[in-house]
Amino acid sequence: CGLSVSKQQQPKPNVVVVESIAVVDTFLMAVIIGRFKWLCLVVSSSAGLAAATSSAVHVSVVTEVMPEKIKWTIHERCRLKSGTLTDWKRKCSGGSYERWYSELRTNCKLQRGCYYRATCMDPQGEGWANGYLKIGDRRICADFTWDKGTKHVEEFAL
C-alpha cells in the first residue's frame, strides 16, 4: 500500500487503534493500525469500500402486550473529521403499533461511529410491557417495563 505511520504514535496494549484509512486506488484500501502495522484490503468497487468502512444498523421494535402505547425517538450525535461532535439531531421516530408479540422492522438505520439517545415513551405511564428497541444486538429500553413512568431515556454508541 505504500503508507507510513509516525513513530510517535503509541497505541495502548491490547487495543487496536485505526490511525487512518486511505483509498490507494479504486480497488485497494489501506488501514493503518497501531504503531508500525498496516493492512491492505482489496475491495471490488467503491460500493465495496463503503461497506467495508461503514455499515448501517437497522432499528426494530419488539413488542409483547399493548404495543399501541409504544412511542420512541432517536437522536444522533456524530464526530466530524475535525474531531468535534455535532449537536444532537433527531434521526428517526416511531410509534403506536398494532401487532402483539412481534418484531417489527422500521425504516430507521443508524451509522456506526455515532452516539445515540433513545427516548422511549408510554403516555399511559405503564412502560413498554417487556417490549424494547432492537438495535443490532442491543436491547434498548428493555428496562422500561411495568409501572416505570411515561418516559425512559437511554444513551448508547455504535
Protein backbone atom coordinates (compact mmCIF):
# COMPACT_ATOMS: atom_id res chain seq x y z
CA CYS A 1 0.00 0.00 0.00
CA GLY A 2 2.94 2.33 0.49
CA LEU A 3 1.68 4.18 3.60
CA SER A 4 3.79 5.08 6.61
CA VAL A 5 2.98 5.61 10.27
CA SER A 6 4.57 8.17 12.55
CA LYS A 7 6.90 6.67 15.18
CA GLN A 8 5.31 8.94 17.79
CA GLN A 9 2.03 7.01 17.76
CA GLN A 10 1.77 4.86 20.90
CA PRO A 11 -1.33 2.63 20.98
CA LYS A 12 -2.43 1.13 24.29
CA PRO A 13 -1.72 -2.58 24.87
CA ASN A 14 -4.47 -4.95 23.65
CA VAL A 15 -6.28 -2.12 21.85
CA VAL A 16 -6.47 -1.87 18.08
CA VAL A 17 -6.38 1.77 17.05
CA VAL A 18 -7.15 2.58 13.45
CA GLU A 19 -4.91 5.56 12.75
CA SER A 20 -6.15 6.27 9.24
CA ILE A 21 -7.90 4.83 6.24
CA ALA A 22 -6.69 5.73 2.77
CA VAL A 23 -8.02 4.83 -0.64
CA VAL A 24 -4.99 3.90 -2.72
CA ASP A 25 -6.97 3.33 -5.88
CA THR A 26 -10.46 2.19 -6.83
CA PHE A 27 -9.81 -1.38 -5.69
CA LEU A 28 -7.37 -1.02 -2.81
CA MET A 29 -7.79 0.43 0.68
CA ALA A 30 -5.10 0.74 3.35
CA VAL A 31 -5.91 0.70 7.05
CA ILE A 32 -3.13 1.78 9.37
CA ILE A 33 -3.38 0.02 12.71
CA GLY A 34 -1.24 0.86 15.70
CA ARG A 35 2.39 1.91 15.58
CA PHE A 36 4.06 0.21 12.60
CA LYS A 37 1.43 -2.18 11.31
CA TRP A 38 -0.82 -1.67 8.34
CA LEU A 39 -3.28 -3.74 6.45
CA CYS A 40 -4.32 -3.57 2.82
CA LEU A 41 -7.83 -4.59 1.91
CA VAL A 42 -8.90 -5.29 -1.63
CA VAL A 43 -12.43 -4.20 -2.37
CA SER A 44 -14.29 -4.93 -5.57
CA SER A 45 -15.65 -1.40 -6.11
CA SER A 46 -16.27 1.91 -4.43
CA ALA A 47 -19.54 0.42 -3.13
CA GLY A 48 -17.47 -2.32 -1.50
CA LEU A 49 -15.28 0.34 0.06
CA ALA A 50 -18.31 1.98 1.66
CA ALA A 51 -19.46 -1.38 3.01
CA ALA A 52 -16.02 -2.09 4.44
CA THR A 53 -15.76 1.24 6.30
CA SER A 54 -19.32 1.85 7.48
CA SER A 55 -22.46 -0.19 7.79
CA ALA A 56 -25.93 0.81 8.80
CA VAL A 57 -27.63 -0.84 11.75
CA HIS A 58 -31.38 -1.32 11.44
CA VAL A 59 -33.78 -0.49 14.26
CA SER A 60 -36.59 -2.92 15.04
CA VAL A 61 -39.35 -2.69 17.64
CA VAL A 62 -40.01 -5.86 19.64
CA THR A 63 -43.49 -5.90 21.15
CA GLU A 64 -45.26 -8.06 23.67
CA VAL A 65 -48.56 -6.74 25.04
CA MET A 66 -50.21 -3.36 24.39
CA PRO A 67 -47.91 -2.17 21.57
CA GLU A 68 -50.39 0.60 20.70
CA LYS A 69 -48.93 2.71 23.53
CA ILE A 70 -45.27 2.36 22.40
CA LYS A 71 -43.69 5.57 21.08
CA TRP A 72 -40.00 6.39 20.60
CA THR A 73 -37.49 8.86 19.14
CA ILE A 74 -33.77 8.52 18.48
CA HIS A 75 -31.42 11.50 18.36
CA GLU A 76 -27.95 11.24 16.79
CA ARG A 77 -24.62 12.93 17.50
CA CYS A 78 -21.60 12.19 15.30
CA ARG A 79 -17.94 13.18 15.33
CA LEU A 80 -16.80 15.40 12.47
CA LYS A 81 -13.45 14.91 10.71
CA SER A 82 -12.16 17.86 12.75
CA GLY A 83 -12.83 15.84 15.92
CA THR A 84 -15.68 17.96 17.24
CA LEU A 85 -19.09 16.47 17.92
CA THR A 86 -22.23 17.66 16.16
CA ASP A 87 -25.27 18.84 18.11
CA TRP A 88 -27.97 16.26 18.90
CA LYS A 89 -30.28 15.90 15.87
CA ARG A 90 -33.48 13.92 15.60
CA LYS A 91 -32.70 10.86 13.49
CA CYS A 92 -35.95 8.90 13.49
CA SER A 93 -39.07 8.07 15.47
CA GLY A 94 -41.96 5.67 15.55
CA GLY A 95 -44.88 4.59 17.50
CA SER A 96 -48.21 3.18 18.08
CA TYR A 97 -48.08 -0.38 16.79
CA GLU A 98 -50.84 -2.95 16.35
CA ARG A 99 -49.04 -6.32 16.32
CA TRP A 100 -48.57 -8.00 19.69
CA TYR A 101 -45.64 -10.40 20.32
CA SER A 102 -43.79 -9.32 17.17
CA GLU A 103 -40.50 -7.96 15.87
CA LEU A 104 -41.28 -5.05 13.58
CA ARG A 105 -38.50 -3.68 11.37
CA THR A 106 -38.56 0.10 10.97
CA ASN A 107 -37.13 2.33 8.24
CA CYS A 108 -34.62 3.73 10.73
CA LYS A 109 -30.93 2.99 10.06
CA LEU A 110 -28.13 4.12 12.40
CA GLN A 111 -24.49 4.55 11.45
CA ARG A 112 -21.60 3.02 13.36
CA GLY A 113 -19.27 5.54 14.96
CA CYS A 114 -22.02 7.86 16.23
CA TYR A 115 -23.67 8.42 19.59
CA TYR A 116 -27.40 7.98 20.10
CA ARG A 117 -30.06 8.95 22.62
CA ALA A 118 -33.24 6.87 22.57
CA THR A 119 -36.33 8.27 24.28
CA CYS A 120 -38.94 5.59 24.89
CA MET A 121 -42.41 6.83 25.81
CA ASP A 122 -45.70 5.49 27.09
CA PRO A 123 -48.29 8.22 27.59
CA GLN A 124 -50.22 5.94 29.99
CA GLY A 125 -47.22 5.63 32.35
CA GLU A 126 -47.10 1.84 32.40
CA GLY A 127 -43.88 1.23 30.47
CA TRP A 128 -43.48 -1.00 27.42
CA ALA A 129 -44.61 -4.29 28.99
CA ASN A 130 -41.40 -6.16 28.08
CA GLY A 131 -41.09 -4.53 24.65
CA TYR A 132 -37.85 -2.86 23.50
CA LEU A 133 -35.94 -1.40 20.58
CA LYS A 134 -33.64 -3.92 18.94
CA ILE A 135 -30.58 -2.18 17.50
CA GLY A 136 -28.00 -4.66 16.28
CA ASP A 137 -27.52 -7.00 19.23
CA ARG A 138 -28.64 -4.36 21.77
CA ARG A 139 -31.95 -4.20 23.62
CA ILE A 140 -32.62 -0.52 24.16
CA CYS A 141 -35.31 0.45 26.71
CA ALA A 142 -35.67 -3.19 27.79
CA ASP A 143 -35.79 -1.94 31.41
CA PHE A 144 -38.76 0.30 30.61
CA THR A 145 -41.23 -2.27 31.89
CA TRP A 146 -44.38 -2.15 34.02
CA ASP A 147 -45.05 0.99 36.07
CA LYS A 148 -41.82 2.78 35.06
CA GLY A 149 -43.42 6.12 34.19
CA THR A 150 -44.12 7.90 30.92
CA LYS A 151 -40.55 8.23 29.60
CA HIS A 152 -37.24 6.36 29.66
CA VAL A 153 -34.04 7.78 28.12
CA GLU A 154 -31.06 5.62 27.19
CA GLU A 155 -27.78 6.68 25.52
CA PHE A 156 -25.54 4.34 23.54
CA ALA A 157 -22.86 4.33 20.85
CA LEU A 158 -22.43 2.14 17.81
